[in-house]
Amino acid sequence: MEEVDKPKHYTQGEIECIDAMMSAFGSEQLQIFCRMNAFKYLWRSAEHKDGEKINIKKAVWYLRKSIGDDPRC
């Protein structure tokens, strides 16, 4: 699902924001960011039932990324 796996608004040219973050901050900081972002999406799904499914998918995406399993591959 492109809106979860590769949202257009997170890309500038050929570079995705998550890849730039990895280069700038390293894997440990990116892992923390991903887990915090997953928390945010789970929090949203509890409050906004209309977007619950997409928020849970986004949380799963970030959790996978946090353990080194790149969901884009």
PDB file of N, CA and C in Angstrom:
ATOM      1  N   MET A   1       0.848  -1.165   0.000  1.00  0.00           N
ATOM      2  CA  MET A   1       0.000   0.000   0.000  1.00  0.00           C
ATOM      3  C   MET A   1       0.900   1.237   0.000  1.00  0.00           C
ATOM      4  N   GLU A   2       0.835   1.999  -1.078  1.00  0.00           N
ATOM      5  CA  GLU A   2       1.757   3.115  -1.274  1.00  0.00           C
ATOM      6  C   GLU A   2       1.624   4.197  -0.203  1.00  0.00           C
ATOM      7  N   GLU A   3       0.416   4.451   0.287  1.00  0.00           N
ATOM      8  CA  GLU A   3       0.267   5.512   1.284  1.00  0.00           C
ATOM      9  C   GLU A   3       0.936   5.146   2.611  1.00  0.00           C
ATOM     10  N   VAL A   4       1.238   3.879   2.817  1.00  0.00           N
ATOM     11  CA  VAL A   4       1.965   3.448   4.017  1.00  0.00           C
ATOM     12  C   VAL A   4       3.428   3.179   3.683  1.00  0.00           C
ATOM     13  N   ASP A   5       3.689   2.424   2.618  1.00  0.00           N
ATOM     14  CA  ASP A   5       5.047   1.995   2.297  1.00  0.00           C
ATOM     15  C   ASP A   5       5.928   3.084   1.693  1.00  0.00           C
ATOM     16  N   LYS A   6       5.343   3.972   0.922  1.00  0.00           N
ATOM     17  CA  LYS A   6       6.169   4.970   0.228  1.00  0.00           C
ATOM     18  C   LYS A   6       5.357   6.236  -0.053  1.00  0.00           C
ATOM     19  N   PRO A   7       4.977   6.958   0.993  1.00  0.00           N
ATOM     20  CA  PRO A   7       4.189   8.165   0.763  1.00  0.00           C
ATOM     21  C   PRO A   7       4.992   9.219  -0.001  1.00  0.00           C
ATOM     22  N   LYS A   8       4.384   9.794  -1.005  1.00  0.00           N
ATOM     23  CA  LYS A   8       5.080  10.769  -1.860  1.00  0.00           C
ATOM     24  C   LYS A   8       5.568  11.990  -1.080  1.00  0.00           C
ATOM     25  N   HIS A   9       4.839  12.391  -0.063  1.00  0.00           N
ATOM     26  CA  HIS A   9       5.217  13.604   0.666  1.00  0.00           C
ATOM     27  C   HIS A   9       6.434  13.393   1.575  1.00  0.00           C
ATOM     28  N   TYR A  10       6.982  12.191   1.634  1.00  0.00           N
ATOM     29  CA  TYR A  10       8.196  11.939   2.404  1.00  0.00           C
ATOM     30  C   TYR A  10       9.417  11.757   1.512  1.00  0.00           C
ATOM     31  N   THR A  11       9.310  12.156   0.247  1.00  0.00           N
ATOM     32  CA  THR A  11      10.409  11.983  -0.704  1.00  0.00           C
ATOM     33  C   THR A  11      10.757  13.316  -1.356  1.00  0.00           C
ATOM     34  N   GLN A  12      12.049  13.587  -1.436  1.00  0.00           N
ATOM     35  CA  GLN A  12      12.535  14.740  -2.187  1.00  0.00           C
ATOM     36  C   GLN A  12      13.493  14.204  -3.229  1.00  0.00           C
ATOM     37  N   GLY A  13      13.101  14.328  -4.483  1.00  0.00           N
ATOM     38  CA  GLY A  13      13.900  13.737  -5.554  1.00  0.00           C
ATOM     39  C   GLY A  13      13.867  12.225  -5.418  1.00  0.00           C
ATOM     40  N   GLU A  14      15.028  11.626  -5.283  1.00  0.00           N
ATOM     41  CA  GLU A  14      15.137  10.173  -5.135  1.00  0.00           C
ATOM     42  C   GLU A  14      15.282   9.729  -3.682  1.00  0.00           C
ATOM     43  N   ILE A  15      15.408  10.688  -2.772  1.00  0.00           N
ATOM     44  CA  ILE A  15      15.736  10.365  -1.379  1.00  0.00           C
ATOM     45  C   ILE A  15      14.495  10.432  -0.489  1.00  0.00           C
ATOM     46  N   GLU A  16      14.261   9.348   0.239  1.00  0.00           N
ATOM     47  CA  GLU A  16      13.170   9.341   1.206  1.00  0.00           C
ATOM     48  C   GLU A  16      13.682   9.892   2.528  1.00  0.00           C
ATOM     49  N   CYS A  17      12.815  10.559   3.230  1.00  0.00           N
ATOM     50  CA  CYS A  17      13.163  11.186   4.513  1.00  0.00           C
ATOM     51  C   CYS A  17      13.776  10.174   5.486  1.00  0.00           C
ATOM     52  N   ILE A  18      13.220   8.982   5.563  1.00  0.00           N
ATOM     53  CA  ILE A  18      13.715   7.976   6.511  1.00  0.00           C
ATOM     54  C   ILE A  18      15.166   7.598   6.211  1.00  0.00           C
ATOM     55  N   ASP A  19      15.546   7.597   4.924  1.00  0.00           N
ATOM     56  CA  ASP A  19      16.929   7.293   4.545  1.00  0.00           C
ATOM     57  C   ASP A  19      17.859   8.452   4.896  1.00  0.00           C
ATOM     58  N   ALA A  20      17.383   9.676   4.709  1.00  0.00           N
ATOM     59  CA  ALA A  20      18.178  10.845   5.091  1.00  0.00           C
ATOM     60  C   ALA A  20      18.379  10.874   6.607  1.00  0.00           C
ATOM     61  N   MET A  21      17.345  10.503   7.353  1.00  0.00           N
ATOM     62  CA  MET A  21      17.450  10.447   8.812  1.00  0.00           C
ATOM     63  C   MET A  21      18.485   9.411   9.236  1.00  0.00           C
ATOM     64  N   MET A  22      18.498   8.274   8.574  1.00  0.00           N
ATOM     65  CA  MET A  22      19.477   7.228   8.883  1.00  0.00           C
ATOM     66  C   MET A  22      20.897   7.755   8.665  1.00  0.00           C
ATOM     67  N   SER A  23      21.099   8.458   7.552  1.00  0.00           N
ATOM     68  CA  SER A  23      22.426   9.012   7.260  1.00  0.00           C
ATOM     69  C   SER A  23      22.827  10.081   8.273  1.00  0.00           C
ATOM     70  N   ALA A  24      21.870  10.900   8.666  1.00  0.00           N
ATOM     71  CA  ALA A  24      22.176  12.017   9.552  1.00  0.00           C
ATOM     72  C   ALA A  24      22.347  11.611  11.020  1.00  0.00           C
ATOM     73  N   PHE A  25      21.537  10.641  11.467  1.00  0.00           N
ATOM     74  CA  PHE A  25      21.498  10.346  12.904  1.00  0.00           C
ATOM     75  C   PHE A  25      21.966   8.949  13.297  1.00  0.00           C
ATOM     76  N   GLY A  26      22.052   8.032  12.341  1.00  0.00           N
ATOM     77  CA  GLY A  26      22.512   6.682  12.635  1.00  0.00           C
ATOM     78  C   GLY A  26      21.391   5.731  13.014  1.00  0.00           C
ATOM     79  N   SER A  27      21.720   4.452  13.056  1.00  0.00           N
ATOM     80  CA  SER A  27      20.702   3.410  13.232  1.00  0.00           C
ATOM     81  C   SER A  27      20.069   3.411  14.622  1.00  0.00           C
ATOM     82  N   GLU A  28      20.834   3.701  15.661  1.00  0.00           N
ATOM     83  CA  GLU A  28      20.268   3.676  17.011  1.00  0.00           C
ATOM     84  C   GLU A  28      19.206   4.771  17.186  1.00  0.00           C
ATOM     85  N   GLN A  29      19.505   5.963  16.731  1.00  0.00           N
ATOM     86  CA  GLN A  29      18.537   7.055  16.834  1.00  0.00           C
ATOM     87  C   GLN A  29      17.326   6.816  15.933  1.00  0.00           C
ATOM     88  N   LEU A  30      17.558   6.240  14.765  1.00  0.00           N
ATOM     89  CA  LEU A  30      16.439   5.942  13.868  1.00  0.00           C
ATOM     90  C   LEU A  30      15.527   4.886  14.494  1.00  0.00           C
ATOM     91  N   GLN A  31      16.111   3.908  15.155  1.00  0.00           N
ATOM     92  CA  GLN A  31      15.327   2.871  15.828  1.00  0.00           C
ATOM     93  C   GLN A  31      14.415   3.502  16.890  1.00  0.00           C
ATOM     94  N   ILE A  32      14.950   4.409  17.659  1.00  0.00           N
ATOM     95  CA  ILE A  32      14.157   5.102  18.683  1.00  0.00           C
ATOM     96  C   ILE A  32      13.040   5.911  18.026  1.00  0.00           C
ATOM     97  N   PHE A  33      13.370   6.658  16.977  1.00  0.00           N
ATOM     98  CA  PHE A  33      12.365   7.443  16.259  1.00  0.00           C
ATOM     99  C   PHE A  33      11.235   6.551  15.754  1.00  0.00           C
ATOM    100  N   CYS A  34      11.601   5.429  15.159  1.00  0.00           N
ATOM    101  CA  CYS A  34      10.590   4.529  14.587  1.00  0.00           C
ATOM    102  C   CYS A  34       9.656   3.984  15.661  1.00  0.00           C
ATOM    103  N   ARG A  35      10.196   3.620  16.804  1.00  0.00           N
ATOM    104  CA  ARG A  35       9.355   3.105  17.888  1.00  0.00           C
ATOM    105  C   ARG A  35       8.445   4.196  18.451  1.00  0.00           C
ATOM    106  N   MET A  36       8.958   5.398  18.537  1.00  0.00           N
ATOM    107  CA  MET A  36       8.122   6.502  19.012  1.00  0.00           C
ATOM    108  C   MET A  36       7.035   6.835  17.985  1.00  0.00           C
ATOM    109  N   ASN A  37       7.371   6.769  16.723  1.00  0.00           N
ATOM    110  CA  ASN A  37       6.378   7.036  15.687  1.00  0.00           C
ATOM    111  C   ASN A  37       5.293   5.955  15.690  1.00  0.00           C
ATOM    112  N   ALA A  38       5.688   4.708  15.909  1.00  0.00           N
ATOM    113  CA  ALA A  38       4.701   3.623  16.010  1.00  0.00           C
ATOM    114  C   ALA A  38       3.747   3.895  17.167  1.00  0.00           C
ATOM    115  N   PHE A  39       4.288   4.334  18.287  1.00  0.00           N
ATOM    116  CA  PHE A  39       3.461   4.685  19.447  1.00  0.00           C
ATOM    117  C   PHE A  39       2.444   5.760  19.067  1.00  0.00           C
ATOM    118  N   LYS A  40       2.913   6.773  18.329  1.00  0.00           N
ATOM    119  CA  LYS A  40       2.041   7.868  17.903  1.00  0.00           C
ATOM    120  C   LYS A  40       0.876   7.344  17.065  1.00  0.00           C
ATOM    121  N   TYR A  41       1.166   6.462  16.124  1.00  0.00           N
ATOM    122  CA  TYR A  41       0.104   5.944  15.253  1.00  0.00           C
ATOM    123  C   TYR A  41      -0.866   5.047  16.013  1.00  0.00           C
ATOM    124  N   LEU A  42      -0.384   4.286  16.973  1.00  0.00           N
ATOM    125  CA  LEU A  42      -1.294   3.487  17.798  1.00  0.00           C
ATOM    126  C   LEU A  42      -2.172   4.392  18.657  1.00  0.00           C
ATOM    127  N   TRP A  43      -1.594   5.443  19.163  1.00  0.00           N
ATOM    128  CA  TRP A  43      -2.343   6.413  19.958  1.00  0.00           C
ATOM    129  C   TRP A  43      -3.459   7.026  19.110  1.00  0.00           C
ATOM    130  N   ARG A  44      -3.128   7.414  17.879  1.00  0.00           N
ATOM    131  CA  ARG A  44      -4.117   7.989  16.964  1.00  0.00           C
ATOM    132  C   ARG A  44      -5.239   7.010  16.663  1.00  0.00           C
ATOM    133  N   SER A  45      -4.899   5.740  16.481  1.00  0.00           N
ATOM    134  CA  SER A  45      -5.923   4.762  16.108  1.00  0.00           C
ATOM    135  C   SER A  45      -6.940   4.592  17.225  1.00  0.00           C
ATOM    136  N   ALA A  46      -6.518   4.788  18.466  1.00  0.00           N
ATOM    137  CA  ALA A  46      -7.441   4.673  19.591  1.00  0.00           C
ATOM    138  C   ALA A  46      -8.422   5.839  19.619  1.00  0.00           C
ATOM    139  N   GLU A  47      -7.968   7.012  19.183  1.00  0.00           N
ATOM    140  CA  GLU A  47      -8.813   8.208  19.217  1.00  0.00           C
ATOM    141  C   GLU A  47      -9.640   8.402  17.957  1.00  0.00           C
ATOM    142  N   HIS A  48      -9.090   8.046  16.821  1.00  0.00           N
ATOM    143  CA  HIS A  48      -9.731   8.329  15.535  1.00  0.00           C
ATOM    144  C   HIS A  48     -10.094   7.031  14.832  1.00  0.00           C
ATOM    145  N   LYS A  49     -11.225   6.506  15.164  1.00  0.00           N
ATOM    146  CA  LYS A  49     -11.640   5.205  14.643  1.00  0.00           C
ATOM    147  C   LYS A  49     -11.756   5.193  13.123  1.00  0.00           C
ATOM    148  N   ASP A  50     -12.044   6.348  12.510  1.00  0.00           N
ATOM    149  CA  ASP A  50     -12.182   6.385  11.059  1.00  0.00           C
ATOM    150  C   ASP A  50     -10.879   6.049  10.343  1.00  0.00           C
ATOM    151  N   GLY A  51      -9.738   6.348  10.955  1.00  0.00           N
ATOM    152  CA  GLY A  51      -8.452   6.043  10.357  1.00  0.00           C
ATOM    153  C   GLY A  51      -7.719   4.927  11.067  1.00  0.00           C
ATOM    154  N   GLU A  52      -8.447   4.140  11.848  1.00  0.00           N
ATOM    155  CA  GLU A  52      -7.809   3.124  12.692  1.00  0.00           C
ATOM    156  C   GLU A  52      -6.946   2.147  11.891  1.00  0.00           C
ATOM    157  N   LYS A  53      -7.475   1.610  10.814  1.00  0.00           N
ATOM    158  CA  LYS A  53      -6.750   0.590  10.048  1.00  0.00           C
ATOM    159  C   LYS A  53      -5.453   1.150   9.462  1.00  0.00           C
ATOM    160  N   ILE A  54      -5.509   2.322   8.865  1.00  0.00           N
ATOM    161  CA  ILE A  54      -4.310   2.902   8.256  1.00  0.00           C
ATOM    162  C   ILE A  54      -3.289   3.270   9.327  1.00  0.00           C
ATOM    163  N   ASN A  55      -3.742   3.760  10.475  1.00  0.00           N
ATOM    164  CA  ASN A  55      -2.812   4.100  11.555  1.00  0.00           C
ATOM    165  C   ASN A  55      -2.125   2.858  12.108  1.00  0.00           C
ATOM    166  N   ILE A  56      -2.837   1.767  12.219  1.00  0.00           N
ATOM    167  CA  ILE A  56      -2.224   0.523  12.692  1.00  0.00           C
ATOM    168  C   ILE A  56      -1.221   0.006  11.670  1.00  0.00           C
ATOM    169  N   LYS A  57      -1.543   0.107  10.384  1.00  0.00           N
ATOM    170  CA  LYS A  57      -0.591  -0.305   9.340  1.00  0.00           C
ATOM    171  C   LYS A  57       0.674   0.541   9.395  1.00  0.00           C
ATOM    172  N   LYS A  58       0.518   1.844   9.641  1.00  0.00           N
ATOM    173  CA  LYS A  58       1.687   2.717   9.750  1.00  0.00           C
ATOM    174  C   LYS A  58       2.513   2.346  10.983  1.00  0.00           C
ATOM    175  N   ALA A  59       1.856   2.031  12.085  1.00  0.00           N
ATOM    176  CA  ALA A  59       2.574   1.621  13.304  1.00  0.00           C
ATOM    177  C   ALA A  59       3.379   0.356  13.039  1.00  0.00           C
ATOM    178  N   VAL A  60       2.777  -0.604  12.363  1.00  0.00           N
ATOM    179  CA  VAL A  60       3.478  -1.849  12.028  1.00  0.00           C
ATOM    180  C   VAL A  60       4.674  -1.555  11.137  1.00  0.00           C
ATOM    181  N   TRP A  61       4.504  -0.649  10.177  1.00  0.00           N
ATOM    182  CA  TRP A  61       5.599  -0.269   9.271  1.00  0.00           C
ATOM    183  C   TRP A  61       6.787   0.228  10.096  1.00  0.00           C
ATOM    184  N   TYR A  62       6.525   1.141  11.018  1.00  0.00           N
ATOM    185  CA  TYR A  62       7.613   1.710  11.822  1.00  0.00           C
ATOM    186  C   TYR A  62       8.214   0.688  12.780  1.00  0.00           C
ATOM    187  N   LEU A  63       7.420  -0.208  13.313  1.00  0.00           N
ATOM    188  CA  LEU A  63       7.973  -1.254  14.182  1.00  0.00           C
ATOM    189  C   LEU A  63       8.879  -2.186  13.391  1.00  0.00           C
ATOM    190  N   ARG A  64       8.450  -2.553  12.191  1.00  0.00           N
ATOM    191  CA  ARG A  64       9.315  -3.389  11.343  1.00  0.00           C
ATOM    192  C   ARG A  64      10.625  -2.680  11.046  1.00  0.00           C
ATOM    193  N   LYS A  65      10.530  -1.410  10.691  1.00  0.00           N
ATOM    194  CA  LYS A  65      11.739  -0.639  10.385  1.00  0.00           C
ATOM    195  C   LYS A  65      12.652  -0.565  11.607  1.00  0.00           C
ATOM    196  N   SER A  66      12.065  -0.481  12.797  1.00  0.00           N
ATOM    197  CA  SER A  66      12.861  -0.371  14.019  1.00  0.00           C
ATOM    198  C   SER A  66      13.687  -1.618  14.327  1.00  0.00           C
ATOM    199  N   ILE A  67      13.305  -2.748  13.761  1.00  0.00           N
ATOM    200  CA  ILE A  67      14.071  -3.986  13.995  1.00  0.00           C
ATOM    201  C   ILE A  67      14.929  -4.362  12.780  1.00  0.00           C
ATOM    202  N   GLY A  68      15.047  -3.419  11.837  1.00  0.00           N
ATOM    203  CA  GLY A  68      15.897  -3.651  10.676  1.00  0.00           C
ATOM    204  C   GLY A  68      15.218  -4.355   9.530  1.00  0.00           C
ATOM    205  N   ASP A  69      13.923  -4.531   9.596  1.00  0.00           N
ATOM    206  CA  ASP A  69      13.158  -5.165   8.516  1.00  0.00           C
ATOM    207  C   ASP A  69      12.498  -4.062   7.700  1.00  0.00           C
ATOM    208  N   ASP A  70      13.169  -3.645   6.627  1.00  0.00           N
ATOM    209  CA  ASP A  70      12.690  -2.513   5.824  1.00  0.00           C
ATOM    210  C   ASP A  70      11.431  -2.910   5.050  1.00  0.00           C
ATOM    211  N   PRO A  71      10.278  -2.354   5.409  1.00  0.00           N
ATOM    212  CA  PRO A  71       9.013  -2.728   4.768  1.00  0.00           C
ATOM    213  C   PRO A  71       8.933  -2.347   3.288  1.00  0.00           C
ATOM    214  N   ARG A  72       9.843  -1.530   2.817  1.00  0.00           N
ATOM    215  CA  ARG A  72       9.821  -1.116   1.418  1.00  0.00           C
ATOM    216  C   ARG A  72      10.372  -2.177   0.481  1.00  0.00           C
ATOM    217  N   CYS A  73      11.061  -3.155   1.048  1.00  0.00           N
ATOM    218  CA  CYS A  73      11.698  -4.199   0.221  1.00  0.00           C
ATOM    219  C   CYS A  73      10.788  -5.389   0.000  1.00  0.00           C
TER     220      CYS A  73
END
